[in-house]
Amino acid sequence: MSKPATTVDLAAFKKQLADSLERSAKSAGQTIVKESLSCEIGIGLQVVTAGLKRDELPTEKEITAGVDLLYAYVSIDGQRVLPAGYYRIRLALPGYEKSGDVKVSFIDAKGQVVHTLTGKGTPRRFKPGTDDTNIGTLPVEVRMCGRKKCFNIKRNGFLDWEWGCTDLNGNTINCLDRQP
């Protein structure tokens, strides 16, 4: 029995998205982590993101000034300030352990900031718990690892961010500690 013509092979579709994003990133001089690919597609909305490959975690000074952490294709119907296209996404956080404003900037292929949004964010708790109320949300998570620890950022919803560090085994640790 063959598949109906409308059946989509999701694994093949994800691979095509990842390959397309990787080609665009490469032509822009960037390297993405294809395994971190996330995709949100809805009526009038397409957002495909992946983390930018880094050798080391950003320093707290870099995080507060703003650091390019993601590469994305963004298309939002009716959005004039952010034309459909590929962007580096720069995030500026209040610090590794401080709550506050999160500035999200979209940078085009020419290196120009096309649009900036500001939202609120909080550091991840050291003892993460479970919360059954989060079932209805679609979070986006990106993990960037250095040699000894990883920086994780999670988008819980529109302009709602959470971040923190883990060791290479996934245990939550203090981002500022020099030891893993």
C-alpha atoms as a PDB file:
ATOM      1  CA  MET A   1       0.000   0.000   0.000  1.00  0.00           C
ATOM      2  CA  SER A   2       1.467   3.356  -0.994  1.00  0.00           C
ATOM      3  CA  LYS A   3       1.296   6.620   0.931  1.00  0.00           C
ATOM      4  CA  PRO A   4      -1.343   9.152  -0.079  1.00  0.00           C
ATOM      5  CA  ALA A   5      -0.030  12.032  -2.210  1.00  0.00           C
ATOM      6  CA  THR A   6      -0.623  14.480   0.655  1.00  0.00           C
ATOM      7  CA  THR A   7       1.523  12.596   3.166  1.00  0.00           C
ATOM      8  CA  VAL A   8       4.703  14.491   3.960  1.00  0.00           C
ATOM      9  CA  ASP A   9       7.868  12.728   5.014  1.00  0.00           C
ATOM     10  CA  LEU A  10       8.709  14.972   7.978  1.00  0.00           C
ATOM     11  CA  ALA A  11      12.279  13.702   8.308  1.00  0.00           C
ATOM     12  CA  ALA A  12      12.978  14.546   4.656  1.00  0.00           C
ATOM     13  CA  PHE A  13      11.277  17.938   5.066  1.00  0.00           C
ATOM     14  CA  LYS A  14      13.390  18.743   8.159  1.00  0.00           C
ATOM     15  CA  LYS A  15      16.546  17.699   6.298  1.00  0.00           C
ATOM     16  CA  GLN A  16      15.646  20.005   3.383  1.00  0.00           C
ATOM     17  CA  LEU A  17      15.065  22.909   5.786  1.00  0.00           C
ATOM     18  CA  ALA A  18      18.356  22.237   7.585  1.00  0.00           C
ATOM     19  CA  ASP A  19      20.279  21.929   4.313  1.00  0.00           C
ATOM     20  CA  SER A  20      18.766  25.161   2.980  1.00  0.00           C
ATOM     21  CA  LEU A  21      19.569  27.046   6.183  1.00  0.00           C
ATOM     22  CA  GLU A  22      23.084  25.598   6.204  1.00  0.00           C
ATOM     23  CA  ARG A  23      23.736  26.686   2.588  1.00  0.00           C
ATOM     24  CA  SER A  24      22.533  30.216   3.293  1.00  0.00           C
ATOM     25  CA  ALA A  25      24.566  30.438   6.501  1.00  0.00           C
ATOM     26  CA  LYS A  26      27.679  29.175   4.710  1.00  0.00           C
ATOM     27  CA  SER A  27      27.298  31.775   1.964  1.00  0.00           C
ATOM     28  CA  ALA A  28      27.054  34.411   4.724  1.00  0.00           C
ATOM     29  CA  GLY A  29      30.255  33.120   6.366  1.00  0.00           C
ATOM     30  CA  GLN A  30      28.441  31.389   9.244  1.00  0.00           C
ATOM     31  CA  THR A  31      28.344  27.775  10.422  1.00  0.00           C
ATOM     32  CA  ILE A  32      25.185  26.432  12.019  1.00  0.00           C
ATOM     33  CA  VAL A  33      24.560  23.484  14.308  1.00  0.00           C
ATOM     34  CA  LYS A  34      22.033  21.565  12.202  1.00  0.00           C
ATOM     35  CA  GLU A  35      21.026  19.381  15.147  1.00  0.00           C
ATOM     36  CA  SER A  36      19.629  22.473  16.901  1.00  0.00           C
ATOM     37  CA  LEU A  37      17.188  23.223  14.066  1.00  0.00           C
ATOM     38  CA  SER A  38      13.783  24.452  15.161  1.00  0.00           C
ATOM     39  CA  CYS A  39      10.884  25.328  12.950  1.00  0.00           C
ATOM     40  CA  GLU A  40       7.618  27.173  13.471  1.00  0.00           C
ATOM     41  CA  ILE A  41       5.260  27.166  10.532  1.00  0.00           C
ATOM     42  CA  GLY A  42       1.738  28.485  10.648  1.00  0.00           C
ATOM     43  CA  ILE A  43      -0.619  30.485   8.484  1.00  0.00           C
ATOM     44  CA  GLY A  44       1.442  33.497   7.422  1.00  0.00           C
ATOM     45  CA  LEU A  45       4.433  32.544   9.594  1.00  0.00           C
ATOM     46  CA  GLN A  46       7.637  30.653   8.839  1.00  0.00           C
ATOM     47  CA  VAL A  47      10.556  30.778  11.271  1.00  0.00           C
ATOM     48  CA  VAL A  48      13.412  28.292  10.914  1.00  0.00           C
ATOM     49  CA  THR A  49      16.351  28.708  13.297  1.00  0.00           C
ATOM     50  CA  ALA A  50      19.555  26.950  14.253  1.00  0.00           C
ATOM     51  CA  GLY A  51      22.317  27.850  16.656  1.00  0.00           C
ATOM     52  CA  LEU A  52      25.530  29.320  15.302  1.00  0.00           C
ATOM     53  CA  LYS A  53      28.555  27.097  15.910  1.00  0.00           C
ATOM     54  CA  ARG A  54      30.914  28.504  18.527  1.00  0.00           C
ATOM     55  CA  ASP A  55      34.134  27.128  19.990  1.00  0.00           C
ATOM     56  CA  GLU A  56      33.582  28.727  23.395  1.00  0.00           C
ATOM     57  CA  LEU A  57      30.685  30.051  25.429  1.00  0.00           C
ATOM     58  CA  PRO A  58      30.101  33.775  25.148  1.00  0.00           C
ATOM     59  CA  THR A  59      31.441  35.724  28.107  1.00  0.00           C
ATOM     60  CA  GLU A  60      29.011  37.590  30.323  1.00  0.00           C
ATOM     61  CA  LYS A  61      30.356  40.831  28.851  1.00  0.00           C
ATOM     62  CA  GLU A  62      29.561  39.555  25.333  1.00  0.00           C
ATOM     63  CA  ILE A  63      26.093  38.374  26.418  1.00  0.00           C
ATOM     64  CA  THR A  64      25.213  41.786  27.871  1.00  0.00           C
ATOM     65  CA  ALA A  65      26.577  43.672  24.842  1.00  0.00           C
ATOM     66  CA  GLY A  66      24.855  41.298  22.415  1.00  0.00           C
ATOM     67  CA  VAL A  67      26.146  38.195  20.706  1.00  0.00           C
ATOM     68  CA  ASP A  68      25.096  36.437  17.498  1.00  0.00           C
ATOM     69  CA  LEU A  69      23.677  33.097  18.640  1.00  0.00           C
ATOM     70  CA  LEU A  70      21.214  32.019  15.943  1.00  0.00           C
ATOM     71  CA  TYR A  71      20.825  31.934  12.186  1.00  0.00           C
ATOM     72  CA  ALA A  72      17.286  32.014  10.852  1.00  0.00           C
ATOM     73  CA  TYR A  73      14.921  32.249   7.947  1.00  0.00           C
ATOM     74  CA  VAL A  74      12.011  34.492   8.931  1.00  0.00           C
ATOM     75  CA  SER A  75       8.857  35.220   6.958  1.00  0.00           C
ATOM     76  CA  ILE A  76       5.872  36.902   8.612  1.00  0.00           C
ATOM     77  CA  ASP A  77       2.967  37.994   6.420  1.00  0.00           C
ATOM     78  CA  GLY A  78       2.201  41.689   6.656  1.00  0.00           C
ATOM     79  CA  GLN A  79       5.452  42.479   8.471  1.00  0.00           C
ATOM     80  CA  ARG A  80       7.009  45.446   6.689  1.00  0.00           C
ATOM     81  CA  VAL A  81       9.862  46.185   9.111  1.00  0.00           C
ATOM     82  CA  LEU A  82      11.282  42.668   8.805  1.00  0.00           C
ATOM     83  CA  PRO A  83      11.225  41.488   5.191  1.00  0.00           C
ATOM     84  CA  ALA A  84      11.229  37.739   4.558  1.00  0.00           C
ATOM     85  CA  GLY A  85      14.785  36.471   4.452  1.00  0.00           C
ATOM     86  CA  TYR A  86      17.789  34.996   6.230  1.00  0.00           C
ATOM     87  CA  TYR A  87      19.135  36.709   9.346  1.00  0.00           C
ATOM     88  CA  ARG A  88      21.720  36.342  12.070  1.00  0.00           C
ATOM     89  CA  ILE A  89      19.924  36.813  15.369  1.00  0.00           C
ATOM     90  CA  ARG A  90      21.801  38.708  18.051  1.00  0.00           C
ATOM     91  CA  LEU A  91      20.646  38.412  21.645  1.00  0.00           C
ATOM     92  CA  ALA A  92      21.586  40.807  24.422  1.00  0.00           C
ATOM     93  CA  LEU A  93      20.712  39.499  27.885  1.00  0.00           C
ATOM     94  CA  PRO A  94      20.995  41.323  31.221  1.00  0.00           C
ATOM     95  CA  GLY A  95      23.625  38.756  32.311  1.00  0.00           C
ATOM     96  CA  TYR A  96      23.913  35.065  33.012  1.00  0.00           C
ATOM     97  CA  GLU A  97      22.140  35.322  36.367  1.00  0.00           C
ATOM     98  CA  LYS A  98      19.991  38.449  36.074  1.00  0.00           C
ATOM     99  CA  SER A  99      16.381  38.854  34.993  1.00  0.00           C
ATOM    100  CA  GLY A 100      15.424  41.728  32.754  1.00  0.00           C
ATOM    101  CA  ASP A 101      15.182  42.928  29.183  1.00  0.00           C
ATOM    102  CA  VAL A 102      16.206  40.642  26.327  1.00  0.00           C
ATOM    103  CA  LYS A 103      17.048  42.496  23.124  1.00  0.00           C
ATOM    104  CA  VAL A 104      16.641  40.464  19.918  1.00  0.00           C
ATOM    105  CA  SER A 105      18.193  41.981  16.770  1.00  0.00           C
ATOM    106  CA  PHE A 106      17.812  40.687  13.212  1.00  0.00           C
ATOM    107  CA  ILE A 107      20.957  41.254  11.137  1.00  0.00           C
ATOM    108  CA  ASP A 108      20.847  40.931   7.346  1.00  0.00           C
ATOM    109  CA  ALA A 109      23.536  39.630   4.966  1.00  0.00           C
ATOM    110  CA  LYS A 110      25.059  43.117   4.744  1.00  0.00           C
ATOM    111  CA  GLY A 111      25.589  43.224   8.511  1.00  0.00           C
ATOM    112  CA  GLN A 112      22.851  45.799   9.050  1.00  0.00           C
ATOM    113  CA  VAL A 113      20.411  45.562  11.955  1.00  0.00           C
ATOM    114  CA  VAL A 114      17.051  45.412  10.183  1.00  0.00           C
ATOM    115  CA  HIS A 115      14.776  45.190  13.226  1.00  0.00           C
ATOM    116  CA  THR A 116      15.038  44.889  16.998  1.00  0.00           C
ATOM    117  CA  LEU A 117      12.552  43.572  19.555  1.00  0.00           C
ATOM    118  CA  THR A 118      12.762  43.772  23.324  1.00  0.00           C
ATOM    119  CA  GLY A 119      11.200  41.242  25.667  1.00  0.00           C
ATOM    120  CA  LYS A 120      11.666  39.985  29.206  1.00  0.00           C
ATOM    121  CA  GLY A 121      13.666  37.006  30.377  1.00  0.00           C
ATOM    122  CA  THR A 122      14.812  35.159  33.471  1.00  0.00           C
ATOM    123  CA  PRO A 123      17.738  32.849  34.154  1.00  0.00           C
ATOM    124  CA  ARG A 124      16.942  29.160  34.381  1.00  0.00           C
ATOM    125  CA  ARG A 125      16.479  27.879  37.915  1.00  0.00           C
ATOM    126  CA  PHE A 126      19.262  25.698  39.306  1.00  0.00           C
ATOM    127  CA  LYS A 127      16.691  23.040  40.302  1.00  0.00           C
ATOM    128  CA  PRO A 128      14.357  22.884  37.296  1.00  0.00           C
ATOM    129  CA  GLY A 129      10.925  21.503  38.114  1.00  0.00           C
ATOM    130  CA  THR A 130       8.127  20.193  35.991  1.00  0.00           C
ATOM    131  CA  ASP A 131       5.171  22.320  35.078  1.00  0.00           C
ATOM    132  CA  ASP A 132       2.195  20.673  33.430  1.00  0.00           C
ATOM    133  CA  THR A 133       0.819  24.085  32.421  1.00  0.00           C
ATOM    134  CA  ASN A 134       3.553  24.380  29.777  1.00  0.00           C
ATOM    135  CA  ILE A 135       2.081  21.584  27.637  1.00  0.00           C
ATOM    136  CA  GLY A 136       0.282  24.058  25.354  1.00  0.00           C
ATOM    137  CA  THR A 137       3.368  26.135  24.520  1.00  0.00           C
ATOM    138  CA  LEU A 138       5.882  25.464  21.774  1.00  0.00           C
ATOM    139  CA  PRO A 139       9.302  26.304  23.219  1.00  0.00           C
ATOM    140  CA  VAL A 140      12.384  26.866  21.108  1.00  0.00           C
ATOM    141  CA  GLU A 141      15.675  25.834  22.695  1.00  0.00           C
ATOM    142  CA  VAL A 142      19.239  26.366  21.526  1.00  0.00           C
ATOM    143  CA  ARG A 143      22.343  24.894  23.155  1.00  0.00           C
ATOM    144  CA  MET A 144      25.876  26.171  22.485  1.00  0.00           C
ATOM    145  CA  CYS A 145      28.706  24.212  24.072  1.00  0.00           C
ATOM    146  CA  GLY A 146      32.333  24.983  24.742  1.00  0.00           C
ATOM    147  CA  ARG A 147      34.862  22.443  25.937  1.00  0.00           C
ATOM    148  CA  LYS A 148      33.477  22.139  29.469  1.00  0.00           C
ATOM    149  CA  LYS A 149      29.999  23.634  29.644  1.00  0.00           C
ATOM    150  CA  CYS A 150      27.023  24.651  27.558  1.00  0.00           C
ATOM    151  CA  PHE A 151      24.935  27.813  27.399  1.00  0.00           C
ATOM    152  CA  ASN A 152      21.242  27.074  26.868  1.00  0.00           C
ATOM    153  CA  ILE A 153      18.602  29.569  25.814  1.00  0.00           C
ATOM    154  CA  LYS A 154      14.929  28.749  25.595  1.00  0.00           C
ATOM    155  CA  ARG A 155      12.107  30.782  24.093  1.00  0.00           C
ATOM    156  CA  ASN A 156       8.967  29.888  26.021  1.00  0.00           C
ATOM    157  CA  GLY A 157       6.706  32.162  24.016  1.00  0.00           C
ATOM    158  CA  PHE A 158       6.723  35.457  22.181  1.00  0.00           C
ATOM    159  CA  LEU A 159       9.257  37.703  23.952  1.00  0.00           C
ATOM    160  CA  ASP A 160       9.554  35.283  26.915  1.00  0.00           C
ATOM    161  CA  TRP A 161      13.090  33.865  27.332  1.00  0.00           C
ATOM    162  CA  GLU A 162      14.951  31.692  29.847  1.00  0.00           C
ATOM    163  CA  TRP A 163      18.689  30.900  29.885  1.00  0.00           C
ATOM    164  CA  GLY A 164      21.418  29.209  31.872  1.00  0.00           C
ATOM    165  CA  CYS A 165      24.425  26.888  31.773  1.00  0.00           C
ATOM    166  CA  THR A 166      24.854  23.135  32.056  1.00  0.00           C
ATOM    167  CA  ASP A 167      27.824  20.841  32.182  1.00  0.00           C
ATOM    168  CA  LEU A 168      28.315  18.502  29.217  1.00  0.00           C
ATOM    169  CA  ASN A 169      26.065  15.924  30.934  1.00  0.00           C
ATOM    170  CA  GLY A 170      23.131  18.355  31.082  1.00  0.00           C
ATOM    171  CA  ASN A 171      23.358  19.194  34.797  1.00  0.00           C
ATOM    172  CA  THR A 172      22.483  22.825  35.586  1.00  0.00           C
ATOM    173  CA  ILE A 173      25.546  24.776  36.770  1.00  0.00           C
ATOM    174  CA  ASN A 174      26.508  28.365  37.490  1.00  0.00           C
ATOM    175  CA  CYS A 175      27.513  30.109  34.241  1.00  0.00           C
ATOM    176  CA  LEU A 176      30.103  32.221  36.047  1.00  0.00           C
ATOM    177  CA  ASP A 177      32.017  29.303  37.624  1.00  0.00           C
ATOM    178  CA  ARG A 178      35.325  28.709  35.895  1.00  0.00           C
ATOM    179  CA  GLN A 179      35.226  25.005  36.766  1.00  0.00           C
ATOM    180  CA  PRO A 180      32.805  22.721  34.886  1.00  0.00           C
END
